[in-house]
């Protein structure tokens, strides 16, 4: 069963839900780095946190994203 918009769900609120939907689109298109960054942003926007073992990956992805944007 696929759910649509739930008013009070943390990840069902804008912008988290939209960012996660975008991430799925990026995964579908094979853009894994971009999808990961969308998920990271969704967690930030939802006031979430990262588990200790994920922090180095998140930092690596943020650095990659900054380098990518600086080269544009």
Protein backbone atom coordinates (compact mmCIF):
# COMPACT_ATOMS: atom_id res chain seq x y z
CA UNK A 1 0.00 0.00 0.00
CA UNK A 2 1.32 3.41 -0.96
CA UNK A 3 0.42 6.32 1.29
CA UNK A 4 0.04 9.88 0.17
CA UNK A 5 0.34 13.12 2.15
CA UNK A 6 -0.08 12.72 5.90
CA UNK A 7 -0.52 16.07 7.62
CA UNK A 8 1.32 15.44 10.88
CA UNK A 9 4.05 13.02 9.84
CA UNK A 10 7.50 14.63 10.25
CA UNK A 11 8.72 13.27 6.92
CA UNK A 12 5.33 13.92 5.35
CA UNK A 13 5.78 17.66 5.74
CA UNK A 14 7.32 20.00 3.25
CA UNK A 15 10.22 20.08 2.44
CA UNK A 16 11.28 16.67 3.77
CA UNK A 17 8.73 14.66 1.83
CA UNK A 18 9.52 16.51 -1.41
CA UNK A 19 13.26 16.04 -0.89
CA UNK A 20 12.81 12.31 -0.28
CA UNK A 21 10.62 11.99 -3.37
CA UNK A 22 13.32 13.82 -5.32
CA UNK A 23 15.89 11.37 -3.94
CA UNK A 24 13.84 8.47 -5.26
CA UNK A 25 13.71 10.15 -8.67
CA UNK A 26 17.49 10.58 -8.63
CA UNK A 27 17.98 6.94 -7.66
CA UNK A 28 15.67 5.91 -10.50
CA UNK A 29 17.79 8.02 -12.89
CA UNK A 30 21.03 6.52 -11.56
CA UNK A 31 22.18 9.75 -9.86
CA UNK A 32 23.12 8.16 -6.55
CA UNK A 33 25.33 10.99 -5.18
CA UNK A 34 22.59 13.54 -5.81
CA UNK A 35 20.03 11.24 -4.18
CA UNK A 36 22.24 10.85 -1.11
CA UNK A 37 22.57 14.60 -0.81
CA UNK A 38 18.79 15.06 -1.04
CA UNK A 39 18.36 12.55 1.80
CA UNK A 40 20.96 14.39 3.89
CA UNK A 41 19.16 17.68 3.34
CA UNK A 42 15.80 16.07 4.20
CA UNK A 43 17.21 14.82 7.51
CA UNK A 44 18.61 18.30 8.28
CA UNK A 45 15.34 20.03 7.39
CA UNK A 46 13.37 17.59 9.57
CA UNK A 47 15.60 18.42 12.54
CA UNK A 48 16.95 14.90 12.46
CA UNK A 49 20.37 13.51 13.26
CA UNK A 50 22.93 11.13 11.81
CA UNK A 51 24.19 7.99 13.47
CA UNK A 52 27.86 8.06 14.41
CA UNK A 53 28.86 5.57 11.74
CA UNK A 54 27.14 7.64 9.01
CA UNK A 55 28.73 11.01 9.93
CA UNK A 56 31.93 10.47 7.90
CA UNK A 57 29.83 9.57 4.83
CA UNK A 58 27.64 12.65 5.30
CA UNK A 59 30.71 14.88 5.61
CA UNK A 60 32.23 13.30 2.48
CA UNK A 61 29.00 13.87 0.54
CA UNK A 62 28.81 17.51 1.71
CA UNK A 63 32.41 18.12 0.59
CA UNK A 64 31.68 16.52 -2.79
CA UNK A 65 28.60 18.69 -3.19
CA UNK A 66 30.53 21.89 -2.33
CA UNK A 67 33.31 21.00 -4.79
CA UNK A 68 30.74 20.25 -7.47
CA UNK A 69 28.99 23.58 -6.94
CA UNK A 70 32.26 25.52 -6.82
CA UNK A 71 33.23 24.10 -10.22
CA UNK A 72 29.97 25.19 -11.90
